[in-house]
Amino acid sequence: MFGSGGGDRVAETLSQRFGYDVPVLARIPLETALREGGDAGTPIVNADPASPAARSFEGIATTLSGRGRGLAGMQLGLTPSNRF
């Protein structure tokens, strides 16, 4: 439906541009339960934790929870300016 390989191409381009690895975090399979849960406000990881989509989201959470915060919340010594 959406084609394939686009996320990999974007990750590769960003990795080259920034000079460090920008990984694809996951490939989420499109499932009816995922769409229905999104419409109803019920996360797939609660509604069907064994589904491939839920396992993909769990993998993302595990990967991100093991990383440092990076620059999030750090003062960078920059001052906003209205001059452009």
N, C-alpha and C. Protein backbone atom coordinates (compact mmCIF):
# COMPACT_ATOMS: atom_id res chain seq x y z
N MET A 1 0.81 -1.19 0.00
CA MET A 1 0.00 0.00 0.00
C MET A 1 0.86 1.26 0.00
N PHE A 2 1.87 1.32 0.87
CA PHE A 2 2.73 2.50 0.96
C PHE A 2 4.07 2.29 0.27
N GLY A 3 4.27 1.14 -0.33
CA GLY A 3 5.58 0.85 -0.90
C GLY A 3 6.49 0.31 0.18
N SER A 4 7.75 0.19 -0.15
CA SER A 4 8.69 -0.32 0.84
C SER A 4 10.06 0.32 0.65
N GLY A 5 10.81 0.36 1.72
CA GLY A 5 12.18 0.86 1.67
C GLY A 5 12.33 2.35 1.91
N GLY A 6 11.22 3.09 2.00
CA GLY A 6 11.32 4.54 2.21
C GLY A 6 11.95 4.92 3.53
N GLY A 7 11.57 4.23 4.59
CA GLY A 7 12.16 4.50 5.91
C GLY A 7 13.65 4.21 5.93
N ASP A 8 14.05 3.13 5.26
CA ASP A 8 15.47 2.80 5.19
C ASP A 8 16.25 3.87 4.43
N ARG A 9 15.66 4.38 3.35
CA ARG A 9 16.33 5.43 2.58
C ARG A 9 16.47 6.71 3.39
N VAL A 10 15.42 7.07 4.12
CA VAL A 10 15.48 8.28 4.95
C VAL A 10 16.53 8.10 6.04
N ALA A 11 16.55 6.95 6.71
CA ALA A 11 17.53 6.70 7.76
C ALA A 11 18.95 6.77 7.21
N GLU A 12 19.16 6.21 6.04
CA GLU A 12 20.49 6.23 5.42
C GLU A 12 20.90 7.66 5.07
N THR A 13 19.98 8.44 4.51
CA THR A 13 20.27 9.83 4.17
C THR A 13 20.61 10.64 5.41
N LEU A 14 19.81 10.48 6.47
CA LEU A 14 20.08 11.21 7.71
C LEU A 14 21.41 10.79 8.34
N SER A 15 21.71 9.50 8.28
CA SER A 15 22.98 9.01 8.82
C SER A 15 24.15 9.67 8.10
N GLN A 16 24.05 9.76 6.78
CA GLN A 16 25.12 10.39 6.00
C GLN A 16 25.21 11.88 6.29
N ARG A 17 24.06 12.52 6.38
CA ARG A 17 24.02 13.98 6.58
C ARG A 17 24.56 14.37 7.95
N PHE A 18 24.19 13.62 9.00
CA PHE A 18 24.59 14.00 10.36
C PHE A 18 25.88 13.32 10.82
N GLY A 19 26.32 12.31 10.10
CA GLY A 19 27.58 11.67 10.45
C GLY A 19 27.50 10.65 11.57
N TYR A 20 26.30 10.23 11.93
CA TYR A 20 26.14 9.16 12.92
C TYR A 20 24.93 8.33 12.54
N ASP A 21 24.86 7.14 13.11
CA ASP A 21 23.81 6.19 12.74
C ASP A 21 22.43 6.68 13.17
N VAL A 22 21.53 6.77 12.20
CA VAL A 22 20.12 7.08 12.46
C VAL A 22 19.35 5.83 12.05
N PRO A 23 19.00 4.98 13.02
CA PRO A 23 18.38 3.70 12.68
C PRO A 23 16.88 3.81 12.43
N VAL A 24 16.37 2.85 11.70
CA VAL A 24 14.93 2.65 11.60
C VAL A 24 14.54 1.92 12.87
N LEU A 25 13.63 2.48 13.65
CA LEU A 25 13.27 1.87 14.92
C LEU A 25 12.44 0.61 14.75
N ALA A 26 11.55 0.59 13.77
CA ALA A 26 10.71 -0.59 13.56
C ALA A 26 9.94 -0.46 12.26
N ARG A 27 9.39 -1.55 11.86
CA ARG A 27 8.45 -1.61 10.75
C ARG A 27 7.15 -2.15 11.34
N ILE A 28 6.14 -1.32 11.39
CA ILE A 28 4.88 -1.69 12.03
C ILE A 28 3.96 -2.31 10.99
N PRO A 29 3.60 -3.59 11.16
CA PRO A 29 2.68 -4.20 10.21
C PRO A 29 1.27 -3.62 10.34
N LEU A 30 0.65 -3.36 9.20
CA LEU A 30 -0.72 -2.85 9.22
C LEU A 30 -1.66 -4.00 9.50
N GLU A 31 -2.41 -3.88 10.58
CA GLU A 31 -3.36 -4.91 10.98
C GLU A 31 -4.70 -4.25 11.26
N THR A 32 -5.76 -4.96 11.02
CA THR A 32 -7.10 -4.43 11.29
C THR A 32 -7.24 -4.04 12.76
N ALA A 33 -6.74 -4.88 13.66
CA ALA A 33 -6.85 -4.60 15.10
C ALA A 33 -6.11 -3.32 15.48
N LEU A 34 -5.01 -3.04 14.80
CA LEU A 34 -4.25 -1.81 15.07
C LEU A 34 -5.09 -0.59 14.69
N ARG A 35 -5.71 -0.63 13.53
CA ARG A 35 -6.56 0.48 13.08
C ARG A 35 -7.77 0.63 13.98
N GLU A 36 -8.44 -0.47 14.27
CA GLU A 36 -9.64 -0.42 15.12
C GLU A 36 -9.31 0.09 16.52
N GLY A 37 -8.21 -0.37 17.05
CA GLY A 37 -7.79 0.09 18.38
C GLY A 37 -7.46 1.58 18.37
N GLY A 38 -6.84 2.03 17.30
CA GLY A 38 -6.54 3.46 17.18
C GLY A 38 -7.81 4.28 17.11
N ASP A 39 -8.80 3.81 16.36
CA ASP A 39 -10.08 4.52 16.27
C ASP A 39 -10.80 4.55 17.62
N ALA A 40 -10.68 3.46 18.38
CA ALA A 40 -11.38 3.35 19.66
C ALA A 40 -10.58 3.90 20.84
N GLY A 41 -9.30 4.23 20.59
CA GLY A 41 -8.46 4.71 21.67
C GLY A 41 -7.91 3.61 22.55
N THR A 42 -7.86 2.39 22.02
CA THR A 42 -7.34 1.24 22.76
C THR A 42 -6.01 0.81 22.12
N PRO A 43 -4.90 1.01 22.81
CA PRO A 43 -3.61 0.64 22.25
C PRO A 43 -3.54 -0.85 21.91
N ILE A 44 -2.93 -1.17 20.80
CA ILE A 44 -2.80 -2.57 20.36
C ILE A 44 -2.02 -3.39 21.39
N VAL A 45 -1.10 -2.75 22.11
CA VAL A 45 -0.34 -3.50 23.11
C VAL A 45 -1.20 -3.93 24.28
N ASN A 46 -2.36 -3.26 24.48
CA ASN A 46 -3.32 -3.69 25.50
C ASN A 46 -4.34 -4.66 24.91
N ALA A 47 -4.83 -4.36 23.71
CA ALA A 47 -5.89 -5.15 23.11
C ALA A 47 -5.41 -6.52 22.65
N ASP A 48 -4.22 -6.58 22.08
CA ASP A 48 -3.71 -7.85 21.54
C ASP A 48 -2.18 -7.85 21.65
N PRO A 49 -1.64 -8.03 22.85
CA PRO A 49 -0.20 -7.92 23.07
C PRO A 49 0.65 -8.91 22.29
N ALA A 50 0.04 -9.99 21.81
CA ALA A 50 0.82 -10.98 21.06
C ALA A 50 0.86 -10.68 19.56
N SER A 51 0.14 -9.67 19.11
CA SER A 51 0.10 -9.37 17.68
C SER A 51 1.45 -8.85 17.20
N PRO A 52 1.76 -9.03 15.92
CA PRO A 52 3.02 -8.52 15.38
C PRO A 52 3.17 -7.00 15.57
N ALA A 53 2.10 -6.24 15.40
CA ALA A 53 2.19 -4.79 15.58
C ALA A 53 2.52 -4.45 17.03
N ALA A 54 1.87 -5.11 17.97
CA ALA A 54 2.15 -4.85 19.39
C ALA A 54 3.59 -5.19 19.72
N ARG A 55 4.08 -6.29 19.20
CA ARG A 55 5.48 -6.67 19.46
C ARG A 55 6.44 -5.64 18.87
N SER A 56 6.09 -5.07 17.72
CA SER A 56 6.92 -4.02 17.12
C SER A 56 6.97 -2.78 18.02
N PHE A 57 5.81 -2.37 18.54
CA PHE A 57 5.77 -1.22 19.44
C PHE A 57 6.53 -1.50 20.73
N GLU A 58 6.42 -2.70 21.25
CA GLU A 58 7.17 -3.07 22.45
C GLU A 58 8.67 -3.00 22.17
N GLY A 59 9.07 -3.43 20.99
CA GLY A 59 10.49 -3.35 20.61
C GLY A 59 10.99 -1.92 20.56
N ILE A 60 10.17 -1.01 20.04
CA ILE A 60 10.53 0.40 20.01
C ILE A 60 10.70 0.92 21.43
N ALA A 61 9.74 0.61 22.30
CA ALA A 61 9.80 1.08 23.68
C ALA A 61 11.05 0.56 24.38
N THR A 62 11.37 -0.69 24.16
CA THR A 62 12.56 -1.28 24.78
C THR A 62 13.82 -0.59 24.28
N THR A 63 13.89 -0.36 22.98
CA THR A 63 15.06 0.29 22.40
C THR A 63 15.22 1.70 22.95
N LEU A 64 14.13 2.47 22.96
CA LEU A 64 14.22 3.86 23.40
C LEU A 64 14.46 3.97 24.91
N SER A 65 13.93 3.05 25.69
CA SER A 65 14.12 3.15 27.13
C SER A 65 15.56 2.84 27.54
N GLY A 66 16.30 2.17 26.68
CA GLY A 66 17.68 1.85 26.99
C GLY A 66 18.66 2.92 26.56
N ARG A 67 18.16 3.96 25.91
CA ARG A 67 19.04 5.03 25.44
C ARG A 67 19.11 6.17 26.45
N GLY A 68 20.20 6.92 26.36
CA GLY A 68 20.31 8.13 27.16
C GLY A 68 19.35 9.19 26.61
N ARG A 69 19.22 10.24 27.33
CA ARG A 69 18.29 11.30 26.93
C ARG A 69 18.82 12.15 25.79
N GLY A 70 20.08 12.04 25.46
CA GLY A 70 20.61 12.89 24.42
C GLY A 70 20.58 14.34 24.87
N LEU A 71 20.05 15.21 24.03
CA LEU A 71 19.99 16.63 24.34
C LEU A 71 18.67 17.04 24.99
N ALA A 72 17.75 16.10 25.14
CA ALA A 72 16.43 16.43 25.68
C ALA A 72 16.55 17.02 27.08
N GLY A 73 16.00 18.20 27.27
CA GLY A 73 15.98 18.84 28.57
C GLY A 73 17.26 19.55 28.97
N MET A 74 18.26 19.53 28.11
CA MET A 74 19.53 20.18 28.45
C MET A 74 19.55 21.62 27.94
N GLN A 75 20.18 22.50 28.71
CA GLN A 75 20.39 23.87 28.26
C GLN A 75 21.50 23.88 27.22
N LEU A 76 21.23 24.49 26.09
CA LEU A 76 22.20 24.50 25.00
C LEU A 76 22.91 25.84 24.85
N GLY A 77 22.59 26.79 25.74
CA GLY A 77 23.24 28.09 25.68
C GLY A 77 22.81 28.93 24.49
N LEU A 78 21.62 28.69 23.99
CA LEU A 78 21.10 29.45 22.85
C LEU A 78 20.01 30.40 23.33
N THR A 79 19.97 31.56 22.72
CA THR A 79 18.95 32.54 23.06
C THR A 79 18.06 32.77 21.85
N PRO A 80 16.75 32.68 22.00
CA PRO A 80 15.86 32.94 20.88
C PRO A 80 16.01 34.37 20.39
N SER A 81 15.85 34.54 19.11
CA SER A 81 15.95 35.86 18.53
C SER A 81 14.79 36.07 17.56
N ASN A 82 14.27 37.27 17.54
CA ASN A 82 13.20 37.59 16.59
C ASN A 82 13.74 38.12 15.28
N ARG A 83 15.03 38.26 15.20
CA ARG A 83 15.65 38.78 13.98
C ARG A 83 15.97 37.65 13.03
N PHE A 84 15.47 37.76 11.80
CA PHE A 84 15.75 36.72 10.80
C PHE A 84 16.42 37.33 9.61
